ModelCIF file with pLDDT and N, C-alpha, C, O atoms, coordinates in Angstrom:
data_MODEL
#
_entry.id   MODEL 
#
_entity.id                         1 
_entity.type                       polymer 
_entity.pdbx_number_of_molecules   1 
#
_entity_poly.entity_id                      1 
_entity_poly.type                           'polypeptide(L)' 
_entity_poly.nstd_linkage                   no 
_entity_poly.nstd_monomer                   no 
_entity_poly.pdbx_seq_one_letter_code       
;(UNK)(UNK)(UNK)(UNK)(UNK)(UNK)(UNK)(UNK)(UNK)(UNK)(UNK)(UNK)(UNK)(UNK)(UNK)(UNK)
(UNK)(UNK)(UNK)(UNK)(UNK)(UNK)(UNK)(UNK)(UNK)(UNK)(UNK)(UNK)(UNK)(UNK)(UNK)(UNK)
(UNK)(UNK)(UNK)(UNK)(UNK)(UNK)(UNK)(UNK)(UNK)(UNK)(UNK)(UNK)(UNK)(UNK)(UNK)(UNK)
;
_entity_poly.pdbx_seq_one_letter_code_can   XXXXXXXXXXXXXXXXXXXXXXXXXXXXXXXXXXXXXXXXXXXXXXXX 
_entity_poly.pdbx_strand_id                 A 
#
loop_
_entity_poly_seq.entity_id 
_entity_poly_seq.num 
_entity_poly_seq.mon_id 
_entity_poly_seq.hetero 
1 1  UNK n 
1 2  UNK n 
1 3  UNK n 
1 4  UNK n 
1 5  UNK n 
1 6  UNK n 
1 7  UNK n 
1 8  UNK n 
1 9  UNK n 
1 10 UNK n 
1 11 UNK n 
1 12 UNK n 
1 13 UNK n 
1 14 UNK n 
1 15 UNK n 
1 16 UNK n 
1 17 UNK n 
1 18 UNK n 
1 19 UNK n 
1 20 UNK n 
1 21 UNK n 
1 22 UNK n 
1 23 UNK n 
1 24 UNK n 
1 25 UNK n 
1 26 UNK n 
1 27 UNK n 
1 28 UNK n 
1 29 UNK n 
1 30 UNK n 
1 31 UNK n 
1 32 UNK n 
1 33 UNK n 
1 34 UNK n 
1 35 UNK n 
1 36 UNK n 
1 37 UNK n 
1 38 UNK n 
1 39 UNK n 
1 40 UNK n 
1 41 UNK n 
1 42 UNK n 
1 43 UNK n 
1 44 UNK n 
1 45 UNK n 
1 46 UNK n 
1 47 UNK n 
1 48 UNK n 
#
_struct_asym.id          A 
_struct_asym.entity_id   1 
#
loop_
_ma_qa_metric.id 
_ma_qa_metric.mode 
_ma_qa_metric.name 
_ma_qa_metric.software_group_id 
_ma_qa_metric.type 
1 global pLDDT . pLDDT 
2 local  pLDDT . pLDDT 
#
_ma_qa_metric_global.metric_id      1 
_ma_qa_metric_global.metric_value   95.04 
_ma_qa_metric_global.model_id       1 
_ma_qa_metric_global.ordinal_id     1 
#
loop_
_ma_qa_metric_local.label_asym_id 
_ma_qa_metric_local.label_comp_id 
_ma_qa_metric_local.label_seq_id 
_ma_qa_metric_local.metric_id 
_ma_qa_metric_local.metric_value 
_ma_qa_metric_local.model_id 
_ma_qa_metric_local.ordinal_id 
A UNK 1  2 92.00 1 1  
A UNK 2  2 94.00 1 2  
A UNK 3  2 96.00 1 3  
A UNK 4  2 95.00 1 4  
A UNK 5  2 96.00 1 5  
A UNK 6  2 95.00 1 6  
A UNK 7  2 94.00 1 7  
A UNK 8  2 92.00 1 8  
A UNK 9  2 86.00 1 9  
A UNK 10 2 92.00 1 10 
A UNK 11 2 95.00 1 11 
A UNK 12 2 96.00 1 12 
A UNK 13 2 97.00 1 13 
A UNK 14 2 96.00 1 14 
A UNK 15 2 96.00 1 15 
A UNK 16 2 97.00 1 16 
A UNK 17 2 97.00 1 17 
A UNK 18 2 97.00 1 18 
A UNK 19 2 98.00 1 19 
A UNK 20 2 98.00 1 20 
A UNK 21 2 96.00 1 21 
A UNK 22 2 95.00 1 22 
A UNK 23 2 90.00 1 23 
A UNK 24 2 86.00 1 24 
A UNK 25 2 90.00 1 25 
A UNK 26 2 96.00 1 26 
A UNK 27 2 97.00 1 27 
A UNK 28 2 98.00 1 28 
A UNK 29 2 98.00 1 29 
A UNK 30 2 98.00 1 30 
A UNK 31 2 97.00 1 31 
A UNK 32 2 96.00 1 32 
A UNK 33 2 96.00 1 33 
A UNK 34 2 97.00 1 34 
A UNK 35 2 98.00 1 35 
A UNK 36 2 97.00 1 36 
A UNK 37 2 98.00 1 37 
A UNK 38 2 98.00 1 38 
A UNK 39 2 98.00 1 39 
A UNK 40 2 97.00 1 40 
A UNK 41 2 95.00 1 41 
A UNK 42 2 91.00 1 42 
A UNK 43 2 89.00 1 43 
A UNK 44 2 92.00 1 44 
A UNK 45 2 91.00 1 45 
A UNK 46 2 95.00 1 46 
A UNK 47 2 97.00 1 47 
A UNK 48 2 97.00 1 48 
#
loop_
_atom_site.group_PDB 
_atom_site.id 
_atom_site.type_symbol 
_atom_site.label_atom_id 
_atom_site.label_alt_id 
_atom_site.label_comp_id 
_atom_site.label_asym_id 
_atom_site.label_entity_id 
_atom_site.label_seq_id 
_atom_site.pdbx_PDB_ins_code 
_atom_site.Cartn_x 
_atom_site.Cartn_y 
_atom_site.Cartn_z 
_atom_site.occupancy 
_atom_site.B_iso_or_equiv 
_atom_site.pdbx_formal_charge 
_atom_site.auth_seq_id 
_atom_site.auth_comp_id 
_atom_site.auth_asym_id 
_atom_site.auth_atom_id 
_atom_site.pdbx_PDB_model_num 
ATOM 1   N N  . UNK A 1 1  ? 0.810   -1.219 0.000   1.00 92.00 ? 1  UNK A N  1 
ATOM 2   C CA . UNK A 1 1  ? 0.000   0.000  0.000   1.00 92.00 ? 1  UNK A CA 1 
ATOM 3   C C  . UNK A 1 1  ? 0.841   1.265  0.000   1.00 92.00 ? 1  UNK A C  1 
ATOM 4   O O  . UNK A 1 1  ? 1.813   1.384  0.747   1.00 92.00 ? 1  UNK A O  1 
ATOM 5   N N  . UNK A 1 2  ? 0.452   2.210  -0.852  1.00 94.00 ? 2  UNK A N  1 
ATOM 6   C CA . UNK A 1 2  ? 1.140   3.479  -0.931  1.00 94.00 ? 2  UNK A CA 1 
ATOM 7   C C  . UNK A 1 2  ? 0.862   4.133  -2.273  1.00 94.00 ? 2  UNK A C  1 
ATOM 8   O O  . UNK A 1 2  ? -0.017  3.701  -3.019  1.00 94.00 ? 2  UNK A O  1 
ATOM 9   N N  . UNK A 1 3  ? 1.610   5.167  -2.569  1.00 96.00 ? 3  UNK A N  1 
ATOM 10  C CA . UNK A 1 3  ? 1.454   5.847  -3.848  1.00 96.00 ? 3  UNK A CA 1 
ATOM 11  C C  . UNK A 1 3  ? 2.813   6.240  -4.381  1.00 96.00 ? 3  UNK A C  1 
ATOM 12  O O  . UNK A 1 3  ? 3.533   7.025  -3.763  1.00 96.00 ? 3  UNK A O  1 
ATOM 13  N N  . UNK A 1 4  ? 3.163   5.688  -5.542  1.00 95.00 ? 4  UNK A N  1 
ATOM 14  C CA . UNK A 1 4  ? 4.428   6.045  -6.167  1.00 95.00 ? 4  UNK A CA 1 
ATOM 15  C C  . UNK A 1 4  ? 4.372   5.672  -7.634  1.00 95.00 ? 4  UNK A C  1 
ATOM 16  O O  . UNK A 1 4  ? 4.133   4.512  -7.969  1.00 95.00 ? 4  UNK A O  1 
ATOM 17  N N  . UNK A 1 5  ? 4.592   6.644  -8.521  1.00 96.00 ? 5  UNK A N  1 
ATOM 18  C CA . UNK A 1 5  ? 4.772   6.387  -9.937  1.00 96.00 ? 5  UNK A CA 1 
ATOM 19  C C  . UNK A 1 5  ? 6.224   6.027  -10.207 1.00 96.00 ? 5  UNK A C  1 
ATOM 20  O O  . UNK A 1 5  ? 7.087   6.145  -9.337  1.00 96.00 ? 5  UNK A O  1 
ATOM 21  N N  . UNK A 1 6  ? 6.478   5.572  -11.467 1.00 95.00 ? 6  UNK A N  1 
ATOM 22  C CA . UNK A 1 6  ? 7.840   5.258  -11.858 1.00 95.00 ? 6  UNK A CA 1 
ATOM 23  C C  . UNK A 1 6  ? 7.964   3.840  -12.366 1.00 95.00 ? 6  UNK A C  1 
ATOM 24  O O  . UNK A 1 6  ? 6.983   3.271  -12.843 1.00 95.00 ? 6  UNK A O  1 
ATOM 25  N N  . UNK A 1 7  ? 9.151   3.252  -12.276 1.00 94.00 ? 7  UNK A N  1 
ATOM 26  C CA . UNK A 1 7  ? 9.349   1.882  -12.746 1.00 94.00 ? 7  UNK A CA 1 
ATOM 27  C C  . UNK A 1 7  ? 8.386   0.899  -12.083 1.00 94.00 ? 7  UNK A C  1 
ATOM 28  O O  . UNK A 1 7  ? 8.066   1.029  -10.901 1.00 94.00 ? 7  UNK A O  1 
ATOM 29  N N  . UNK A 1 8  ? 7.936   -0.071 -12.848 1.00 92.00 ? 8  UNK A N  1 
ATOM 30  C CA . UNK A 1 8  ? 6.995   -1.059 -12.336 1.00 92.00 ? 8  UNK A CA 1 
ATOM 31  C C  . UNK A 1 8  ? 7.472   -1.674 -11.029 1.00 92.00 ? 8  UNK A C  1 
ATOM 32  O O  . UNK A 1 8  ? 6.679   -1.895 -10.114 1.00 92.00 ? 8  UNK A O  1 
ATOM 33  N N  . UNK A 1 9  ? 8.758   -1.948 -10.944 1.00 86.00 ? 9  UNK A N  1 
ATOM 34  C CA . UNK A 1 9  ? 9.302   -2.641 -9.768  1.00 86.00 ? 9  UNK A CA 1 
ATOM 35  C C  . UNK A 1 9  ? 9.191   -1.827 -8.486  1.00 86.00 ? 9  UNK A C  1 
ATOM 36  O O  . UNK A 1 9  ? 9.208   -2.399 -7.396  1.00 86.00 ? 9  UNK A O  1 
ATOM 37  N N  . UNK A 1 10 ? 9.076   -0.500 -8.592  1.00 92.00 ? 10 UNK A N  1 
ATOM 38  C CA . UNK A 1 10 ? 9.034   0.338  -7.389  1.00 92.00 ? 10 UNK A CA 1 
ATOM 39  C C  . UNK A 1 10 ? 7.717   1.094  -7.236  1.00 92.00 ? 10 UNK A C  1 
ATOM 40  O O  . UNK A 1 10 ? 7.588   1.917  -6.330  1.00 92.00 ? 10 UNK A O  1 
ATOM 41  N N  . UNK A 1 11 ? 6.739   0.832  -8.100  1.00 95.00 ? 11 UNK A N  1 
ATOM 42  C CA . UNK A 1 11 ? 5.458   1.524  -8.024  1.00 95.00 ? 11 UNK A CA 1 
ATOM 43  C C  . UNK A 1 11 ? 4.615   1.001  -6.860  1.00 95.00 ? 11 UNK A C  1 
ATOM 44  O O  . UNK A 1 11 ? 4.725   -0.162 -6.473  1.00 95.00 ? 11 UNK A O  1 
ATOM 45  N N  . UNK A 1 12 ? 3.777   1.875  -6.312  1.00 96.00 ? 12 UNK A N  1 
ATOM 46  C CA . UNK A 1 12 ? 2.878   1.517  -5.227  1.00 96.00 ? 12 UNK A CA 1 
ATOM 47  C C  . UNK A 1 12 ? 1.441   1.855  -5.613  1.00 96.00 ? 12 UNK A C  1 
ATOM 48  O O  . UNK A 1 12 ? 1.180   2.846  -6.296  1.00 96.00 ? 12 UNK A O  1 
ATOM 49  N N  . UNK A 1 13 ? 0.523   1.016  -5.163  1.00 97.00 ? 13 UNK A N  1 
ATOM 50  C CA . UNK A 1 13 ? -0.909  1.251  -5.284  1.00 97.00 ? 13 UNK A CA 1 
ATOM 51  C C  . UNK A 1 13 ? -1.530  1.123  -3.896  1.00 97.00 ? 13 UNK A C  1 
ATOM 52  O O  . UNK A 1 13 ? -0.924  0.567  -2.980  1.00 97.00 ? 13 UNK A O  1 
ATOM 53  N N  . UNK A 1 14 ? -2.752  1.648  -3.757  1.00 96.00 ? 14 UNK A N  1 
ATOM 54  C CA . UNK A 1 14 ? -3.457  1.530  -2.488  1.00 96.00 ? 14 UNK A CA 1 
ATOM 55  C C  . UNK A 1 14 ? -4.910  1.175  -2.769  1.00 96.00 ? 14 UNK A C  1 
ATOM 56  O O  . UNK A 1 14 ? -5.702  2.004  -3.218  1.00 96.00 ? 14 UNK A O  1 
ATOM 57  N N  . UNK A 1 15 ? -5.228  -0.063 -2.494  1.00 96.00 ? 15 UNK A N  1 
ATOM 58  C CA . UNK A 1 15 ? -6.557  -0.611 -2.749  1.00 96.00 ? 15 UNK A CA 1 
ATOM 59  C C  . UNK A 1 15 ? -6.980  -0.452 -4.213  1.00 96.00 ? 15 UNK A C  1 
ATOM 60  O O  . UNK A 1 15 ? -8.047  0.098  -4.485  1.00 96.00 ? 15 UNK A O  1 
ATOM 61  N N  . UNK A 1 16 ? -6.158  -0.925 -5.161  1.00 97.00 ? 16 UNK A N  1 
ATOM 62  C CA . UNK A 1 16 ? -6.587  -0.865 -6.565  1.00 97.00 ? 16 UNK A CA 1 
ATOM 63  C C  . UNK A 1 16 ? -7.814  -1.740 -6.768  1.00 97.00 ? 16 UNK A C  1 
ATOM 64  O O  . UNK A 1 16 ? -7.813  -2.910 -6.387  1.00 97.00 ? 16 UNK A O  1 
ATOM 65  N N  . UNK A 1 17 ? -8.872  -1.172 -7.371  1.00 97.00 ? 17 UNK A N  1 
ATOM 66  C CA . UNK A 1 17 ? -10.161 -1.853 -7.410  1.00 97.00 ? 17 UNK A CA 1 
ATOM 67  C C  . UNK A 1 17 ? -10.447 -2.548 -8.725  1.00 97.00 ? 17 UNK A C  1 
ATOM 68  O O  . UNK A 1 17 ? -11.075 -3.607 -8.740  1.00 97.00 ? 17 UNK A O  1 
ATOM 69  N N  . UNK A 1 18 ? -9.994  -1.967 -9.840  1.00 97.00 ? 18 UNK A N  1 
ATOM 70  C CA . UNK A 1 18 ? -10.357 -2.544 -11.133 1.00 97.00 ? 18 UNK A CA 1 
ATOM 71  C C  . UNK A 1 18 ? -9.272  -2.228 -12.143 1.00 97.00 ? 18 UNK A C  1 
ATOM 72  O O  . UNK A 1 18 ? -8.452  -1.333 -11.940 1.00 97.00 ? 18 UNK A O  1 
ATOM 73  N N  . UNK A 1 19 ? -9.281  -2.981 -13.241 1.00 98.00 ? 19 UNK A N  1 
ATOM 74  C CA . UNK A 1 19 ? -8.286  -2.842 -14.290 1.00 98.00 ? 19 UNK A CA 1 
ATOM 75  C C  . UNK A 1 19 ? -8.956  -3.054 -15.634 1.00 98.00 ? 19 UNK A C  1 
ATOM 76  O O  . UNK A 1 19 ? -9.852  -3.889 -15.757 1.00 98.00 ? 19 UNK A O  1 
ATOM 77  N N  . UNK A 1 20 ? -8.526  -2.301 -16.650 1.00 98.00 ? 20 UNK A N  1 
ATOM 78  C CA . UNK A 1 20 ? -8.980  -2.533 -18.010 1.00 98.00 ? 20 UNK A CA 1 
ATOM 79  C C  . UNK A 1 20 ? -7.802  -2.356 -18.959 1.00 98.00 ? 20 UNK A C  1 
ATOM 80  O O  . UNK A 1 20 ? -6.821  -1.689 -18.632 1.00 98.00 ? 20 UNK A O  1 
ATOM 81  N N  . UNK A 1 21 ? -7.911  -2.957 -20.132 1.00 96.00 ? 21 UNK A N  1 
ATOM 82  C CA . UNK A 1 21 ? -6.830  -2.928 -21.106 1.00 96.00 ? 21 UNK A CA 1 
ATOM 83  C C  . UNK A 1 21 ? -7.057  -1.821 -22.121 1.00 96.00 ? 21 UNK A C  1 
ATOM 84  O O  . UNK A 1 21 ? -8.170  -1.637 -22.614 1.00 96.00 ? 21 UNK A O  1 
ATOM 85  N N  . UNK A 1 22 ? -5.999  -1.086 -22.429 1.00 95.00 ? 22 UNK A N  1 
ATOM 86  C CA . UNK A 1 22 ? -6.030  -0.097 -23.482 1.00 95.00 ? 22 UNK A CA 1 
ATOM 87  C C  . UNK A 1 22 ? -5.356  -0.632 -24.730 1.00 95.00 ? 22 UNK A C  1 
ATOM 88  O O  . UNK A 1 22 ? -5.628  -1.757 -25.148 1.00 95.00 ? 22 UNK A O  1 
ATOM 89  N N  . UNK A 1 23 ? -4.474  0.167  -25.332 1.00 90.00 ? 23 UNK A N  1 
ATOM 90  C CA . UNK A 1 23 ? -3.696  -0.296 -26.465 1.00 90.00 ? 23 UNK A CA 1 
ATOM 91  C C  . UNK A 1 23 ? -2.722  -1.380 -26.021 1.00 90.00 ? 23 UNK A C  1 
ATOM 92  O O  . UNK A 1 23 ? -2.564  -1.624 -24.825 1.00 90.00 ? 23 UNK A O  1 
ATOM 93  N N  . UNK A 1 24 ? -2.075  -2.024 -26.971 1.00 86.00 ? 24 UNK A N  1 
ATOM 94  C CA . UNK A 1 24 ? -1.233  -3.172 -26.680 1.00 86.00 ? 24 UNK A CA 1 
ATOM 95  C C  . UNK A 1 24 ? -0.225  -2.893 -25.567 1.00 86.00 ? 24 UNK A C  1 
ATOM 96  O O  . UNK A 1 24 ? 0.607   -1.993 -25.671 1.00 86.00 ? 24 UNK A O  1 
ATOM 97  N N  . UNK A 1 25 ? -0.323  -3.697 -24.490 1.00 90.00 ? 25 UNK A N  1 
ATOM 98  C CA . UNK A 1 25 ? 0.615   -3.577 -23.389 1.00 90.00 ? 25 UNK A CA 1 
ATOM 99  C C  . UNK A 1 25 ? 0.320   -2.483 -22.392 1.00 90.00 ? 25 UNK A C  1 
ATOM 100 O O  . UNK A 1 25 ? 1.117   -2.255 -21.481 1.00 90.00 ? 25 UNK A O  1 
ATOM 101 N N  . UNK A 1 26 ? -0.817  -1.788 -22.536 1.00 96.00 ? 26 UNK A N  1 
ATOM 102 C CA . UNK A 1 26 ? -1.184  -0.692 -21.643 1.00 96.00 ? 26 UNK A CA 1 
ATOM 103 C C  . UNK A 1 26 ? -2.429  -1.068 -20.851 1.00 96.00 ? 26 UNK A C  1 
ATOM 104 O O  . UNK A 1 26 ? -3.395  -1.589 -21.408 1.00 96.00 ? 26 UNK A O  1 
ATOM 105 N N  . UNK A 1 27 ? -2.401  -0.800 -19.547 1.00 97.00 ? 27 UNK A N  1 
ATOM 106 C CA . UNK A 1 27 ? -3.522  -1.099 -18.668 1.00 97.00 ? 27 UNK A CA 1 
ATOM 107 C C  . UNK A 1 27 ? -3.819  0.106  -17.785 1.00 97.00 ? 27 UNK A C  1 
ATOM 108 O O  . UNK A 1 27 ? -2.915  0.847  -17.397 1.00 97.00 ? 27 UNK A O  1 
ATOM 109 N N  . UNK A 1 28 ? -5.109  0.293  -17.470 1.00 98.00 ? 28 UNK A N  1 
ATOM 110 C CA . UNK A 1 28 ? -5.554  1.391  -16.627 1.00 98.00 ? 28 UNK A CA 1 
ATOM 111 C C  . UNK A 1 28 ? -6.135  0.831  -15.338 1.00 98.00 ? 28 UNK A C  1 
ATOM 112 O O  . UNK A 1 28 ? -6.868  -0.157 -15.346 1.00 98.00 ? 28 UNK A O  1 
ATOM 113 N N  . UNK A 1 29 ? -5.793  1.484  -14.227 1.00 98.00 ? 29 UNK A N  1 
ATOM 114 C CA . UNK A 1 29 ? -6.157  1.013  -12.898 1.00 98.00 ? 29 UNK A CA 1 
ATOM 115 C C  . UNK A 1 29 ? -6.989  2.061  -12.181 1.00 98.00 ? 29 UNK A C  1 
ATOM 116 O O  . UNK A 1 29 ? -6.607  3.231  -12.128 1.00 98.00 ? 29 UNK A O  1 
ATOM 117 N N  . UNK A 1 30 ? -8.129  1.649  -11.625 1.00 98.00 ? 30 UNK A N  1 
ATOM 118 C CA . UNK A 1 30 ? -8.873  2.497  -10.697 1.00 98.00 ? 30 UNK A CA 1 
ATOM 119 C C  . UNK A 1 30 ? -8.254  2.298  -9.321  1.00 98.00 ? 30 UNK A C  1 
ATOM 120 O O  . UNK A 1 30 ? -8.566  1.327  -8.631  1.00 98.00 ? 30 UNK A O  1 
ATOM 121 N N  . UNK A 1 31 ? -7.379  3.214  -8.919  1.00 97.00 ? 31 UNK A N  1 
ATOM 122 C CA . UNK A 1 31 ? -6.607  3.087  -7.687  1.00 97.00 ? 31 UNK A CA 1 
ATOM 123 C C  . UNK A 1 31 ? -7.415  3.720  -6.557  1.00 97.00 ? 31 UNK A C  1 
ATOM 124 O O  . UNK A 1 31 ? -7.277  4.905  -6.257  1.00 97.00 ? 31 UNK A O  1 
ATOM 125 N N  . UNK A 1 32 ? -8.258  2.900  -5.942  1.00 96.00 ? 32 UNK A N  1 
ATOM 126 C CA . UNK A 1 32 ? -9.324  3.367  -5.071  1.00 96.00 ? 32 UNK A CA 1 
ATOM 127 C C  . UNK A 1 32 ? -8.930  4.313  -3.960  1.00 96.00 ? 32 UNK A C  1 
ATOM 128 O O  . UNK A 1 32 ? -9.417  5.442  -3.914  1.00 96.00 ? 32 UNK A O  1 
ATOM 129 N N  . UNK A 1 33 ? -8.060  3.881  -3.063  1.00 96.00 ? 33 UNK A N  1 
ATOM 130 C CA . UNK A 1 33 ? -7.733  4.707  -1.907  1.00 96.00 ? 33 UNK A CA 1 
ATOM 131 C C  . UNK A 1 33 ? -6.767  5.840  -2.227  1.00 96.00 ? 33 UNK A C  1 
ATOM 132 O O  . UNK A 1 33 ? -6.589  6.742  -1.409  1.00 96.00 ? 33 UNK A O  1 
ATOM 133 N N  . UNK A 1 34 ? -6.139  5.810  -3.402  1.00 97.00 ? 34 UNK A N  1 
ATOM 134 C CA . UNK A 1 34 ? -5.346  6.946  -3.854  1.00 97.00 ? 34 UNK A CA 1 
ATOM 135 C C  . UNK A 1 34 ? -6.184  7.945  -4.646  1.00 97.00 ? 34 UNK A C  1 
ATOM 136 O O  . UNK A 1 34 ? -5.694  9.007  -5.029  1.00 97.00 ? 34 UNK A O  1 
ATOM 137 N N  . UNK A 1 35 ? -7.441  7.604  -4.887  1.00 98.00 ? 35 UNK A N  1 
ATOM 138 C CA . UNK A 1 35 ? -8.375  8.493  -5.588  1.00 98.00 ? 35 UNK A CA 1 
ATOM 139 C C  . UNK A 1 35 ? -7.840  8.941  -6.945  1.00 98.00 ? 35 UNK A C  1 
ATOM 140 O O  . UNK A 1 35 ? -8.056  10.076 -7.371  1.00 98.00 ? 35 UNK A O  1 
ATOM 141 N N  . UNK A 1 36 ? -7.137  8.025  -7.615  1.00 97.00 ? 36 UNK A N  1 
ATOM 142 C CA . UNK A 1 36 ? -6.494  8.318  -8.887  1.00 97.00 ? 36 UNK A CA 1 
ATOM 143 C C  . UNK A 1 36 ? -6.777  7.225  -9.908  1.00 97.00 ? 36 UNK A C  1 
ATOM 144 O O  . UNK A 1 36 ? -7.153  6.105  -9.562  1.00 97.00 ? 36 UNK A O  1 
ATOM 145 N N  . UNK A 1 37 ? -6.589  7.579  -11.163 1.00 98.00 ? 37 UNK A N  1 
ATOM 146 C CA . UNK A 1 37 ? -6.564  6.610  -12.245 1.00 98.00 ? 37 UNK A CA 1 
ATOM 147 C C  . UNK A 1 37 ? -5.116  6.470  -12.681 1.00 98.00 ? 37 UNK A C  1 
ATOM 148 O O  . UNK A 1 37 ? -4.479  7.451  -13.066 1.00 98.00 ? 37 UNK A O  1 
ATOM 149 N N  . UNK A 1 38 ? -4.598  5.255  -12.621 1.00 98.00 ? 38 UNK A N  1 
ATOM 150 C CA . UNK A 1 38 ? -3.198  4.988  -12.910 1.00 98.00 ? 38 UNK A CA 1 
ATOM 151 C C  . UNK A 1 38 ? -3.061  4.220  -14.232 1.00 98.00 ? 38 UNK A C  1 
ATOM 152 O O  . UNK A 1 38 ? -4.016  3.604  -14.708 1.00 98.00 ? 38 UNK A O  1 
ATOM 153 N N  . UNK A 1 39 ? -1.885  4.267  -14.800 1.00 98.00 ? 39 UNK A N  1 
ATOM 154 C CA . UNK A 1 39 ? -1.602  3.607  -16.064 1.00 98.00 ? 39 UNK A CA 1 
ATOM 155 C C  . UNK A 1 39 ? -0.347  2.764  -15.928 1.00 98.00 ? 39 UNK A C  1 
ATOM 156 O O  . UNK A 1 39 ? 0.665   3.227  -15.402 1.00 98.00 ? 39 UNK A O  1 
ATOM 157 N N  . UNK A 1 40 ? -0.412  1.522  -16.404 1.00 97.00 ? 40 UNK A N  1 
ATOM 158 C CA . UNK A 1 40 ? 0.750   0.644  -16.483 1.00 97.00 ? 40 UNK A CA 1 
ATOM 159 C C  . UNK A 1 40 ? 1.088   0.441  -17.945 1.00 97.00 ? 40 UNK A C  1 
ATOM 160 O O  . UNK A 1 40 ? 0.270   -0.082 -18.702 1.00 97.00 ? 40 UNK A O  1 
ATOM 161 N N  . UNK A 1 41 ? 2.272   0.843  -18.354 1.00 95.00 ? 41 UNK A N  1 
ATOM 162 C CA . UNK A 1 41 ? 2.752   0.612  -19.709 1.00 95.00 ? 41 UNK A CA 1 
ATOM 163 C C  . UNK A 1 41 ? 3.808   -0.486 -19.633 1.00 95.00 ? 41 UNK A C  1 
ATOM 164 O O  . UNK A 1 41 ? 4.945   -0.238 -19.231 1.00 95.00 ? 41 UNK A O  1 
ATOM 165 N N  . UNK A 1 42 ? 3.422   -1.702 -20.022 1.00 91.00 ? 42 UNK A N  1 
ATOM 166 C CA . UNK A 1 42 ? 4.347   -2.829 -19.926 1.00 91.00 ? 42 UNK A CA 1 
ATOM 167 C C  . UNK A 1 42 ? 5.447   -2.752 -20.977 1.00 91.00 ? 42 UNK A C  1 
ATOM 168 O O  . UNK A 1 42 ? 6.477   -3.412 -20.842 1.00 91.00 ? 42 UNK A O  1 
ATOM 169 N N  . UNK A 1 43 ? 5.239   -1.954 -22.023 1.00 89.00 ? 43 UNK A N  1 
ATOM 170 C CA . UNK A 1 43 ? 6.279   -1.772 -23.034 1.00 89.00 ? 43 UNK A CA 1 
ATOM 171 C C  . UNK A 1 43 ? 7.448   -0.969 -22.479 1.00 89.00 ? 43 UNK A C  1 
ATOM 172 O O  . UNK A 1 43 ? 8.597   -1.176 -22.866 1.00 89.00 ? 43 UNK A O  1 
ATOM 173 N N  . UNK A 1 44 ? 7.138   -0.046 -21.562 1.00 92.00 ? 44 UNK A N  1 
ATOM 174 C CA . UNK A 1 44 ? 8.156   0.812  -20.947 1.00 92.00 ? 44 UNK A CA 1 
ATOM 175 C C  . UNK A 1 44 ? 8.476   0.403  -19.518 1.00 92.00 ? 44 UNK A C  1 
ATOM 176 O O  . UNK A 1 44 ? 9.380   0.961  -18.895 1.00 92.00 ? 44 UNK A O  1 
ATOM 177 N N  . UNK A 1 45 ? 7.716   -0.598 -18.984 1.00 91.00 ? 45 UNK A N  1 
ATOM 178 C CA . UNK A 1 45 ? 7.856   -0.983 -17.574 1.00 91.00 ? 45 UNK A CA 1 
ATOM 179 C C  . UNK A 1 45 ? 7.686   0.225  -16.663 1.00 91.00 ? 45 UNK A C  1 
ATOM 180 O O  . UNK A 1 45 ? 8.513   0.477  -15.786 1.00 91.00 ? 45 UNK A O  1 
ATOM 181 N N  . UNK A 1 46 ? 6.605   0.968  -16.880 1.00 95.00 ? 46 UNK A N  1 
ATOM 182 C CA . UNK A 1 46 ? 6.440   2.253  -16.199 1.00 95.00 ? 46 UNK A CA 1 
ATOM 183 C C  . UNK A 1 46 ? 4.992   2.433  -15.724 1.00 95.00 ? 46 UNK A C  1 
ATOM 184 O O  . UNK A 1 46 ? 4.047   2.060  -16.420 1.00 95.00 ? 46 UNK A O  1 
ATOM 185 N N  . UNK A 1 47 ? 4.838   3.007  -14.537 1.00 97.00 ? 47 UNK A N  1 
ATOM 186 C CA . UNK A 1 47 ? 3.538   3.341  -13.961 1.00 97.00 ? 47 UNK A CA 1 
ATOM 187 C C  . UNK A 1 47 ? 3.427   4.855  -13.862 1.00 97.00 ? 47 UNK A C  1 
ATOM 188 O O  . UNK A 1 47 ? 4.360   5.524  -13.417 1.00 97.00 ? 47 UNK A O  1 
ATOM 189 N N  . UNK A 1 48 ? 2.282   5.397  -14.279 1.00 97.00 ? 48 UNK A N  1 
ATOM 190 C CA . UNK A 1 48 ? 2.055   6.836  -14.204 1.00 97.00 ? 48 UNK A CA 1 
ATOM 191 C C  . UNK A 1 48 ? 0.621   7.110  -13.770 1.00 97.00 ? 48 UNK A C  1 
ATOM 192 O O  . UNK A 1 48 ? 0.224   8.269  -13.645 1.00 97.00 ? 48 UNK A O  1 
#
């Protein structure tokens, strides 16, 4: 639990509730307790 963007290996989420797929290798997260919408780009290994 926490909040941190950046490389996948060091990213933090807090009560992520749902996930959906965007373009190839991209996923969007409803990060519930952070009150944010997050993005995982597996092509770049990056969370924003």
